Structure formats: C-alpha cells, structure tokens
Amino acid sequence: MPTSCCKTHFLATCLLLFTCVLNGQNKAQRAAECVATLGMERSYFYDSYLSESSYSAPGLVLEYGSEREAGINHRFLTHAAYTKTPSDFNLIQMALIHRAAWIFPRIQTTSVRVGLGPSLQTQLGGRYTTQNRNNPGSLDALIQLGIQLKGQYRFTLHSLPIRISYTGEAYLLGLQFAPEYQQSYYELFSLGQYKQAFHGTSLHNQRLWNHQLSVDIPIGNKQTRLRISYCNEFRKSDIHHIRVHQIHDGIRLGIVFKKSPKP
C-alpha cells in the first residue's frame, strides 16, 4: 500500500475513534483517580541510524495520569537515560509519551474487574551522542493505534483493602518518522526535504507493547493509596533497513488519589 494511502487511512481512523470517544463520554465516566509515580529503570536501545552498537543505561521515568474503570484513561510519561559509550562519549536518551485509552467494562464483580478498549500512543524524543560525526542524533516521533486490556483484583489483608491491577497495551497500526539512511537531518529540516520521511507501520515492520503490574495499598484516609509498580515497555521496528530496538524495565513508586467528577 502506498505511503500516502497509509497516512490517509490512519488519520481517518484516529478521527473516527476520538469522535466516538467524545460523543460517548458521560459524567459517570469522568469520575477518576489521579496517579503520580517516579521510577528507576534500565533501558536498552539500539538504533542503526545512529550506530551499529547497542547500549544499556540506567534511567528515570516520571508518570502522571488519570484512571477510570470505564471511559477515557490518560497517561503522560517522561523517560530519561544516560550512559557512556565504549568510545567514552556521552549518550543521552529522552522520550515524551502520551497514552490514551477508552475502556469498556467486560467483567465487574465485587473483587474482579476487567475492561478492554482502543488505545492511542504518541511519542516524541530521541538519542544524542557527543561524538563529532555527521549524524550525532536520532529523532523519535510516532503515533500508534492499538488495544488496551485493564484488570483489577481487590482483596483484604489484615483489614487493609489491597488492589492489584494490570494494564497491557499492544499497538497494531501507526505512523512513524523514519527517514532513509542517506537522508541527513540537515536535508530534512533545513532544506524541507521531509515529504517521504513519515511511513505507515503495522505488525510487519513494527512491534510495540507495554505492560504494568501494580499494587495499591491505602495510606492515611481511604482516598489516597501508595502504588508500587513493575513496568515493561518494548518496541522493535525495521523501516528502510534502519532498525530501532528499545526495552525499558523498571520499578515505580507513587500515589493514587481520588479526583471528584465535574458537576
């Protein structure tokens, strides 16, 4: 399928999806919990546009979002990682990510709740090395459509109401910034030669999924909880013979607090 057709179909799908979301949202769905976490992670990344070497680096991740059992969920994340290359150059990796999902309840009992729905992820970031070469940096820009599975299990331990939750996302269709290897960023942005730099993606050239397992423990009053999470984020793409591979594994610690619905 030509690239222009991929872009047209993808943008039309996004527009249709979020028109349905806005039309279907009601006051009950707007009741939400806010989540704020900070975590340490280990990041692995490989980008053949930048280098044929792969790197592993410690990093930080900051997350803020809103969660609902039914309706729209939002998460904003900032990833930052730093390491030294084998040639003793500094390498910095940054990413700004927004994830949105519209959850439809499937199972609702006293202790178990499961929901499923469409999701959207947008990402902007990249990698940069201090070495003196033609392409010291690599830009990450993508938008992806997929599905999200959200589950909760609630139980009582020594009179404390404990909640275990799982969120899994898999992305199936998208659009990504992916120049050819011969295209320099100077040509792309200074000379405006970027018309062929964005390409459609699906499972044949990109795989992207995220997992998060969390335990929420009440602290203080019943409106606030301590959250401990294990998170795994995976992405692998091969476009124009440029391969990108990223894995983020880490533990996050934060709080969950009630947010009253708007009148």
C-alpha atoms as a PDB file:
ATOM      1  CA  MET A   1       0.000   0.000   0.000  1.00  0.00           C
ATOM      2  CA  PRO A   2       1.445   3.441  -0.898  1.00  0.00           C
ATOM      3  CA  THR A   3       2.615   5.616   1.969  1.00  0.00           C
ATOM      4  CA  SER A   4       0.047   8.331   1.179  1.00  0.00           C
ATOM      5  CA  CYS A   5      -2.791   5.784   1.450  1.00  0.00           C
ATOM      6  CA  CYS A   6      -1.441   4.547   4.799  1.00  0.00           C
ATOM      7  CA  LYS A   7      -1.400   8.112   6.133  1.00  0.00           C
ATOM      8  CA  THR A   8      -4.929   8.851   4.889  1.00  0.00           C
ATOM      9  CA  HIS A   9      -6.416   5.670   6.354  1.00  0.00           C
ATOM     10  CA  PHE A  10      -4.595   6.137   9.653  1.00  0.00           C
ATOM     11  CA  LEU A  11      -5.681   9.758  10.144  1.00  0.00           C
ATOM     12  CA  ALA A  12      -9.269   8.874   9.226  1.00  0.00           C
ATOM     13  CA  THR A  13      -9.245   6.060  11.792  1.00  0.00           C
ATOM     14  CA  CYS A  14      -7.908   8.408  14.504  1.00  0.00           C
ATOM     15  CA  LEU A  15     -10.598  10.990  13.729  1.00  0.00           C
ATOM     16  CA  LEU A  16     -13.393   8.416  13.806  1.00  0.00           C
ATOM     17  CA  LEU A  17     -12.141   6.848  17.049  1.00  0.00           C
ATOM     18  CA  PHE A  18     -11.903  10.067  19.020  1.00  0.00           C
ATOM     19  CA  THR A  19     -15.179  11.433  17.674  1.00  0.00           C
ATOM     20  CA  CYS A  20     -16.821   8.348  19.172  1.00  0.00           C
ATOM     21  CA  VAL A  21     -14.904   8.845  22.413  1.00  0.00           C
ATOM     22  CA  LEU A  22     -16.019  12.449  22.848  1.00  0.00           C
ATOM     23  CA  ASN A  23     -19.617  11.673  21.954  1.00  0.00           C
ATOM     24  CA  GLY A  24     -19.812   8.664  24.262  1.00  0.00           C
ATOM     25  CA  GLN A  25     -18.257  10.132  27.409  1.00  0.00           C
ATOM     26  CA  ASN A  26     -20.687  10.931  30.263  1.00  0.00           C
ATOM     27  CA  LYS A  27     -20.462  12.345  33.766  1.00  0.00           C
ATOM     28  CA  ALA A  28     -20.078   8.945  35.392  1.00  0.00           C
ATOM     29  CA  GLN A  29     -17.097   8.189  33.185  1.00  0.00           C
ATOM     30  CA  ARG A  30     -15.393  11.436  34.162  1.00  0.00           C
ATOM     31  CA  ALA A  31     -15.015  10.279  37.806  1.00  0.00           C
ATOM     32  CA  ALA A  32     -11.352   9.386  38.029  1.00  0.00           C
ATOM     33  CA  GLU A  33      -8.312   8.640  40.162  1.00  0.00           C
ATOM     34  CA  CYS A  34      -5.106  10.597  39.610  1.00  0.00           C
ATOM     35  CA  VAL A  35      -1.780   8.770  39.547  1.00  0.00           C
ATOM     36  CA  ALA A  36       1.705  10.250  40.031  1.00  0.00           C
ATOM     37  CA  THR A  37       4.781   7.986  40.125  1.00  0.00           C
ATOM     38  CA  LEU A  38       8.560   8.226  39.872  1.00  0.00           C
ATOM     39  CA  GLY A  39      10.702   5.249  38.958  1.00  0.00           C
ATOM     40  CA  MET A  40      14.149   3.862  38.258  1.00  0.00           C
ATOM     41  CA  GLU A  41      14.596   1.765  35.139  1.00  0.00           C
ATOM     42  CA  ARG A  42      17.126   0.002  32.974  1.00  0.00           C
ATOM     43  CA  SER A  43      16.925   0.984  29.318  1.00  0.00           C
ATOM     44  CA  TYR A  44      18.249  -0.947  26.356  1.00  0.00           C
ATOM     45  CA  PHE A  45      18.315   0.734  22.972  1.00  0.00           C
ATOM     46  CA  TYR A  46      19.713   0.097  19.519  1.00  0.00           C
ATOM     47  CA  ASP A  47      19.383   2.473  16.552  1.00  0.00           C
ATOM     48  CA  SER A  48      21.250   1.572  13.365  1.00  0.00           C
ATOM     49  CA  TYR A  49      20.835   5.137  12.024  1.00  0.00           C
ATOM     50  CA  LEU A  50      22.937   6.359  14.939  1.00  0.00           C
ATOM     51  CA  SER A  51      25.320   3.444  15.455  1.00  0.00           C
ATOM     52  CA  GLU A  52      25.672  -0.293  14.924  1.00  0.00           C
ATOM     53  CA  SER A  53      26.298  -0.661  18.665  1.00  0.00           C
ATOM     54  CA  SER A  54      23.615  -1.334  21.265  1.00  0.00           C
ATOM     55  CA  TYR A  55      23.572   0.338  24.674  1.00  0.00           C
ATOM     56  CA  SER A  56      22.204  -0.285  28.131  1.00  0.00           C
ATOM     57  CA  ALA A  57      21.752   2.620  30.528  1.00  0.00           C
ATOM     58  CA  PRO A  58      20.145   3.465  33.869  1.00  0.00           C
ATOM     59  CA  GLY A  59      17.341   5.982  33.690  1.00  0.00           C
ATOM     60  CA  LEU A  60      14.446   7.766  35.337  1.00  0.00           C
ATOM     61  CA  VAL A  61      10.773   7.783  34.398  1.00  0.00           C
ATOM     62  CA  LEU A  62       8.097  10.202  35.609  1.00  0.00           C
ATOM     63  CA  GLU A  63       4.425   9.332  35.130  1.00  0.00           C
ATOM     64  CA  TYR A  64       1.238  11.307  35.696  1.00  0.00           C
ATOM     65  CA  GLY A  65      -2.236  10.339  34.610  1.00  0.00           C
ATOM     66  CA  SER A  66      -5.890   9.672  35.330  1.00  0.00           C
ATOM     67  CA  GLU A  67      -7.550   6.255  35.572  1.00  0.00           C
ATOM     68  CA  ARG A  68     -11.200   5.213  35.215  1.00  0.00           C
ATOM     69  CA  GLU A  69     -12.903   1.852  35.350  1.00  0.00           C
ATOM     70  CA  ALA A  70     -14.936   2.927  32.310  1.00  0.00           C
ATOM     71  CA  GLY A  71     -14.200   5.777  29.926  1.00  0.00           C
ATOM     72  CA  ILE A  72     -11.043   7.605  28.929  1.00  0.00           C
ATOM     73  CA  ASN A  73      -7.723   6.950  30.676  1.00  0.00           C
ATOM     74  CA  HIS A  74      -4.688   9.214  30.160  1.00  0.00           C
ATOM     75  CA  ARG A  75      -1.018   8.727  30.992  1.00  0.00           C
ATOM     76  CA  PHE A  76       1.860  11.170  30.431  1.00  0.00           C
ATOM     77  CA  LEU A  77       5.399   9.795  30.768  1.00  0.00           C
ATOM     78  CA  THR A  78       8.901  11.227  30.575  1.00  0.00           C
ATOM     79  CA  HIS A  79      11.843   8.849  30.098  1.00  0.00           C
ATOM     80  CA  ALA A  80      15.474   9.950  30.504  1.00  0.00           C
ATOM     81  CA  ALA A  81      18.591   7.732  30.337  1.00  0.00           C
ATOM     82  CA  TYR A  82      22.317   8.460  30.278  1.00  0.00           C
ATOM     83  CA  THR A  83      25.425   6.341  29.736  1.00  0.00           C
ATOM     84  CA  LYS A  84      28.978   6.345  28.384  1.00  0.00           C
ATOM     85  CA  THR A  85      29.643   4.681  25.035  1.00  0.00           C
ATOM     86  CA  PRO A  86      32.584   2.266  24.594  1.00  0.00           C
ATOM     87  CA  SER A  87      34.411   5.175  22.901  1.00  0.00           C
ATOM     88  CA  ASP A  88      33.901   7.268  26.068  1.00  0.00           C
ATOM     89  CA  PHE A  89      31.299   9.600  24.529  1.00  0.00           C
ATOM     90  CA  ASN A  90      28.197  10.710  26.402  1.00  0.00           C
ATOM     91  CA  LEU A  91      24.904   9.251  25.179  1.00  0.00           C
ATOM     92  CA  ILE A  92      21.546  10.722  26.247  1.00  0.00           C
ATOM     93  CA  GLN A  93      18.118   9.251  25.523  1.00  0.00           C
ATOM     94  CA  MET A  94      14.855  11.175  26.099  1.00  0.00           C
ATOM     95  CA  ALA A  95      11.202  10.429  25.358  1.00  0.00           C
ATOM     96  CA  LEU A  96       7.897  12.233  25.986  1.00  0.00           C
ATOM     97  CA  ILE A  97       4.913   9.894  25.716  1.00  0.00           C
ATOM     98  CA  HIS A  98       1.156  10.323  25.921  1.00  0.00           C
ATOM     99  CA  ARG A  99      -1.147   7.300  26.085  1.00  0.00           C
ATOM    100  CA  ALA A 100      -4.934   7.439  25.943  1.00  0.00           C
ATOM    101  CA  ALA A 101      -7.408   4.549  26.059  1.00  0.00           C
ATOM    102  CA  TRP A 102     -11.196   4.264  26.059  1.00  0.00           C
ATOM    103  CA  ILE A 103     -12.104   1.360  28.340  1.00  0.00           C
ATOM    104  CA  PHE A 104     -15.327  -0.665  28.089  1.00  0.00           C
ATOM    105  CA  PRO A 105     -16.107  -2.829  31.169  1.00  0.00           C
ATOM    106  CA  ARG A 106     -16.307  -6.562  30.409  1.00  0.00           C
ATOM    107  CA  ILE A 107     -16.317  -8.193  33.860  1.00  0.00           C
ATOM    108  CA  GLN A 108     -17.474  -6.470  37.047  1.00  0.00           C
ATOM    109  CA  THR A 109     -17.763  -8.354  40.344  1.00  0.00           C
ATOM    110  CA  THR A 110     -17.020  -7.459  43.948  1.00  0.00           C
ATOM    111  CA  SER A 111     -13.363  -8.488  43.639  1.00  0.00           C
ATOM    112  CA  VAL A 112     -12.589  -8.675  39.898  1.00  0.00           C
ATOM    113  CA  ARG A 113     -12.952  -6.001  37.222  1.00  0.00           C
ATOM    114  CA  VAL A 114     -11.795  -6.318  33.618  1.00  0.00           C
ATOM    115  CA  GLY A 115     -12.055  -3.784  30.795  1.00  0.00           C
ATOM    116  CA  LEU A 116     -10.957  -3.617  27.164  1.00  0.00           C
ATOM    117  CA  GLY A 117     -10.822  -0.842  24.586  1.00  0.00           C
ATOM    118  CA  PRO A 118      -8.942   1.060  21.859  1.00  0.00           C
ATOM    119  CA  SER A 119      -5.769   2.969  22.736  1.00  0.00           C
ATOM    120  CA  LEU A 120      -3.611   5.667  21.180  1.00  0.00           C
ATOM    121  CA  GLN A 121       0.067   6.431  21.856  1.00  0.00           C
ATOM    122  CA  THR A 122       2.074   9.439  20.694  1.00  0.00           C
ATOM    123  CA  GLN A 123       5.816   9.734  21.327  1.00  0.00           C
ATOM    124  CA  LEU A 124       8.447  12.404  20.734  1.00  0.00           C
ATOM    125  CA  GLY A 125      12.093  12.063  21.745  1.00  0.00           C
ATOM    126  CA  GLY A 126      15.390  10.694  20.553  1.00  0.00           C
ATOM    127  CA  ARG A 127      19.028   9.915  21.270  1.00  0.00           C
ATOM    128  CA  TYR A 128      22.118  12.120  21.121  1.00  0.00           C
ATOM    129  CA  THR A 129      25.854  11.443  21.408  1.00  0.00           C
ATOM    130  CA  THR A 130      28.612  13.996  21.942  1.00  0.00           C
ATOM    131  CA  GLN A 131      30.866  12.420  19.337  1.00  0.00           C
ATOM    132  CA  ASN A 132      31.877  14.503  16.316  1.00  0.00           C
ATOM    133  CA  ARG A 133      30.170  12.895  13.322  1.00  0.00           C
ATOM    134  CA  ASN A 134      27.607  13.669  10.606  1.00  0.00           C
ATOM    135  CA  ASN A 135      24.635  12.153  12.451  1.00  0.00           C
ATOM    136  CA  PRO A 136      25.185  12.558  16.208  1.00  0.00           C
ATOM    137  CA  GLY A 137      21.468  12.360  16.990  1.00  0.00           C
ATOM    138  CA  SER A 138      18.381  10.362  16.106  1.00  0.00           C
ATOM    139  CA  LEU A 139      14.795  11.622  16.366  1.00  0.00           C
ATOM    140  CA  ASP A 140      11.871   9.511  17.613  1.00  0.00           C
ATOM    141  CA  ALA A 141       8.384  10.612  16.536  1.00  0.00           C
ATOM    142  CA  LEU A 142       5.447   8.248  16.179  1.00  0.00           C
ATOM    143  CA  ILE A 143       1.717   7.805  16.694  1.00  0.00           C
ATOM    144  CA  GLN A 144       0.156   4.353  17.143  1.00  0.00           C
ATOM    145  CA  LEU A 145      -3.316   2.811  17.451  1.00  0.00           C
ATOM    146  CA  GLY A 146      -3.914  -0.383  19.394  1.00  0.00           C
ATOM    147  CA  ILE A 147      -5.879  -2.075  22.161  1.00  0.00           C
ATOM    148  CA  GLN A 148      -5.614  -1.967  25.945  1.00  0.00           C
ATOM    149  CA  LEU A 149      -6.555  -4.626  28.493  1.00  0.00           C
ATOM    150  CA  LYS A 150      -7.139  -3.410  32.040  1.00  0.00           C
ATOM    151  CA  GLY A 151      -7.782  -5.680  35.020  1.00  0.00           C
ATOM    152  CA  GLN A 152      -8.148  -5.315  38.810  1.00  0.00           C
ATOM    153  CA  TYR A 153      -8.311  -7.739  41.722  1.00  0.00           C
ATOM    154  CA  ARG A 154      -9.365  -6.476  45.156  1.00  0.00           C
ATOM    155  CA  PHE A 155      -8.972  -8.287  48.473  1.00  0.00           C
ATOM    156  CA  THR A 156      -8.487  -7.569  52.170  1.00  0.00           C
ATOM    157  CA  LEU A 157      -5.241  -8.294  54.020  1.00  0.00           C
ATOM    158  CA  HIS A 158      -5.183  -7.692  57.794  1.00  0.00           C
ATOM    159  CA  SER A 159      -8.195  -5.358  57.415  1.00  0.00           C
ATOM    160  CA  LEU A 160      -6.409  -3.358  54.659  1.00  0.00           C
ATOM    161  CA  PRO A 161      -8.173  -3.201  51.262  1.00  0.00           C
ATOM    162  CA  ILE A 162      -5.473  -4.138  48.723  1.00  0.00           C
ATOM    163  CA  ARG A 163      -5.828  -3.675  44.981  1.00  0.00           C
ATOM    164  CA  ILE A 164      -3.713  -5.414  42.328  1.00  0.00           C
ATOM    165  CA  SER A 165      -4.054  -4.021  38.814  1.00  0.00           C
ATOM    166  CA  TYR A 166      -2.656  -4.932  35.394  1.00  0.00           C
ATOM    167  CA  THR A 167      -2.566  -2.829  32.238  1.00  0.00           C
ATOM    168  CA  GLY A 168      -1.398  -4.272  28.925  1.00  0.00           C
ATOM    169  CA  GLU A 169      -1.252  -2.468  25.585  1.00  0.00           C
ATOM    170  CA  ALA A 170      -0.450  -3.763  22.092  1.00  0.00           C
ATOM    171  CA  TYR A 171      -0.270  -1.426  19.088  1.00  0.00           C
ATOM    172  CA  LEU A 172      -1.270  -2.569  15.618  1.00  0.00           C
ATOM    173  CA  LEU A 173      -1.249   0.423  13.235  1.00  0.00           C
ATOM    174  CA  GLY A 174       0.548   3.747  13.130  1.00  0.00           C
ATOM    175  CA  LEU A 175       2.666   6.431  11.538  1.00  0.00           C
ATOM    176  CA  GLN A 176       6.370   6.924  12.283  1.00  0.00           C
ATOM    177  CA  PHE A 177       9.163   9.353  11.433  1.00  0.00           C
ATOM    178  CA  ALA A 178      11.570   7.104   9.528  1.00  0.00           C
ATOM    179  CA  PRO A 179      13.973   8.769   7.058  1.00  0.00           C
ATOM    180  CA  GLU A 180      16.176   6.758   4.760  1.00  0.00           C
ATOM    181  CA  TYR A 181      19.712   6.154   5.908  1.00  0.00           C
ATOM    182  CA  GLN A 182      21.128   8.537   3.265  1.00  0.00           C
ATOM    183  CA  GLN A 183      18.893  11.414   4.411  1.00  0.00           C
ATOM    184  CA  SER A 184      20.624  13.739   6.859  1.00  0.00           C
ATOM    185  CA  TYR A 185      18.634  15.793   9.338  1.00  0.00           C
ATOM    186  CA  TYR A 186      20.048  18.920   7.709  1.00  0.00           C
ATOM    187  CA  GLU A 187      18.344  17.955   4.440  1.00  0.00           C
ATOM    188  CA  LEU A 188      15.135  17.070   6.248  1.00  0.00           C
ATOM    189  CA  PHE A 189      14.629  20.170   8.375  1.00  0.00           C
ATOM    190  CA  SER A 190      16.835  22.928   6.922  1.00  0.00           C
ATOM    191  CA  LEU A 191      16.009  22.202   3.269  1.00  0.00           C
ATOM    192  CA  GLY A 192      12.485  20.942   3.872  1.00  0.00           C
ATOM    193  CA  GLN A 193      13.037  17.558   2.194  1.00  0.00           C
ATOM    194  CA  TYR A 194      10.863  15.598   4.626  1.00  0.00           C
ATOM    195  CA  LYS A 195       7.884  14.571   2.479  1.00  0.00           C
ATOM    196  CA  GLN A 196       8.937  10.896   2.403  1.00  0.00           C
ATOM    197  CA  ALA A 197      10.197  10.779   5.994  1.00  0.00           C
ATOM    198  CA  PHE A 198       6.919   9.572   7.557  1.00  0.00           C
ATOM    199  CA  HIS A 199       5.806   5.996   6.964  1.00  0.00           C
ATOM    200  CA  GLY A 200       2.897   3.791   7.920  1.00  0.00           C
ATOM    201  CA  THR A 201       3.564   0.978  10.368  1.00  0.00           C
ATOM    202  CA  SER A 202       1.873  -2.291  11.276  1.00  0.00           C
ATOM    203  CA  LEU A 203       2.983  -5.631  12.656  1.00  0.00           C
ATOM    204  CA  HIS A 204       5.133  -6.394   9.600  1.00  0.00           C
ATOM    205  CA  ASN A 205       7.600  -3.553  10.352  1.00  0.00           C
ATOM    206  CA  GLN A 206       6.974  -2.528  13.983  1.00  0.00           C
ATOM    207  CA  ARG A 207       6.041  -4.257  17.229  1.00  0.00           C
ATOM    208  CA  LEU A 208       5.180  -2.167  20.254  1.00  0.00           C
ATOM    209  CA  TRP A 209       3.662  -3.188  23.573  1.00  0.00           C
ATOM    210  CA  ASN A 210       3.639  -2.150  27.236  1.00  0.00           C
ATOM    211  CA  HIS A 211       2.887  -3.958  30.495  1.00  0.00           C
ATOM    212  CA  GLN A 212       2.334  -2.603  34.004  1.00  0.00           C
ATOM    213  CA  LEU A 213       1.592  -4.604  37.166  1.00  0.00           C
ATOM    214  CA  SER A 214       0.722  -2.524  40.248  1.00  0.00           C
ATOM    215  CA  VAL A 215      -0.137  -2.994  43.908  1.00  0.00           C
ATOM    216  CA  ASP A 216      -2.120  -0.232  45.638  1.00  0.00           C
ATOM    217  CA  ILE A 217      -2.037  -0.006  49.465  1.00  0.00           C
ATOM    218  CA  PRO A 218      -4.196   2.553  51.339  1.00  0.00           C
ATOM    219  CA  ILE A 219      -2.372   5.186  53.367  1.00  0.00           C
ATOM    220  CA  GLY A 220      -3.889   7.850  55.605  1.00  0.00           C
ATOM    221  CA  ASN A 221      -7.530   8.158  54.589  1.00  0.00           C
ATOM    222  CA  LYS A 222      -9.325   5.920  52.111  1.00  0.00           C
ATOM    223  CA  GLN A 223      -8.900   8.493  49.338  1.00  0.00           C
ATOM    224  CA  THR A 224      -5.120   8.001  48.984  1.00  0.00           C
ATOM    225  CA  ARG A 225      -3.095   4.883  48.108  1.00  0.00           C
ATOM    226  CA  LEU A 226       0.569   4.023  47.816  1.00  0.00           C
ATOM    227  CA  ARG A 227       1.329   2.436  44.424  1.00  0.00           C
ATOM    228  CA  ILE A 228       4.238   0.087  43.683  1.00  0.00           C
ATOM    229  CA  SER A 229       4.551  -0.935  40.020  1.00  0.00           C
ATOM    230  CA  TYR A 230       6.674  -3.077  37.753  1.00  0.00           C
ATOM    231  CA  CYS A 231       6.692  -1.789  34.158  1.00  0.00           C
ATOM    232  CA  ASN A 232       7.996  -3.201  30.885  1.00  0.00           C
ATOM    233  CA  GLU A 233       7.929  -1.329  27.582  1.00  0.00           C
ATOM    234  CA  PHE A 234       9.065  -2.932  24.315  1.00  0.00           C
ATOM    235  CA  ARG A 235       9.463  -1.561  20.811  1.00  0.00           C
ATOM    236  CA  LYS A 236      11.147  -3.010  17.725  1.00  0.00           C
ATOM    237  CA  SER A 237      10.957  -1.591  14.196  1.00  0.00           C
ATOM    238  CA  ASP A 238      12.660  -2.109  10.831  1.00  0.00           C
ATOM    239  CA  ILE A 239      11.880   0.579   8.224  1.00  0.00           C
ATOM    240  CA  HIS A 240      14.140   1.486   5.272  1.00  0.00           C
ATOM    241  CA  HIS A 241      16.645  -1.042   6.679  1.00  0.00           C
ATOM    242  CA  ILE A 242      17.010   1.173   9.760  1.00  0.00           C
ATOM    243  CA  ARG A 243      16.427  -0.891  12.872  1.00  0.00           C
ATOM    244  CA  VAL A 244      15.294   0.541  16.220  1.00  0.00           C
ATOM    245  CA  HIS A 245      15.030  -1.622  19.325  1.00  0.00           C
ATOM    246  CA  GLN A 246      14.075  -0.320  22.785  1.00  0.00           C
ATOM    247  CA  ILE A 247      13.314  -2.029  26.089  1.00  0.00           C
ATOM    248  CA  HIS A 248      12.533  -0.239  29.363  1.00  0.00           C
ATOM    249  CA  ASP A 249      12.292  -2.276  32.590  1.00  0.00           C
ATOM    250  CA  GLY A 250      11.763  -0.640  35.941  1.00  0.00           C
ATOM    251  CA  ILE A 251      10.050  -0.167  39.283  1.00  0.00           C
ATOM    252  CA  ARG A 252       7.883   2.888  40.013  1.00  0.00           C
ATOM    253  CA  LEU A 253       6.690   4.267  43.330  1.00  0.00           C
ATOM    254  CA  GLY A 254       3.952   6.861  43.730  1.00  0.00           C
ATOM    255  CA  ILE A 255       0.485   7.768  44.948  1.00  0.00           C
ATOM    256  CA  VAL A 256      -3.082   7.331  43.720  1.00  0.00           C
ATOM    257  CA  PHE A 257      -5.720   9.810  44.915  1.00  0.00           C
ATOM    258  CA  LYS A 258      -9.385  10.396  44.201  1.00  0.00           C
ATOM    259  CA  LYS A 259     -10.498  13.054  41.747  1.00  0.00           C
ATOM    260  CA  SER A 260     -14.080  14.276  42.039  1.00  0.00           C
ATOM    261  CA  PRO A 261     -16.144  14.357  38.827  1.00  0.00           C
ATOM    262  CA  LYS A 262     -17.034  17.720  37.352  1.00  0.00           C
ATOM    263  CA  PRO A 263     -20.584  18.896  38.061  1.00  0.00           C
END
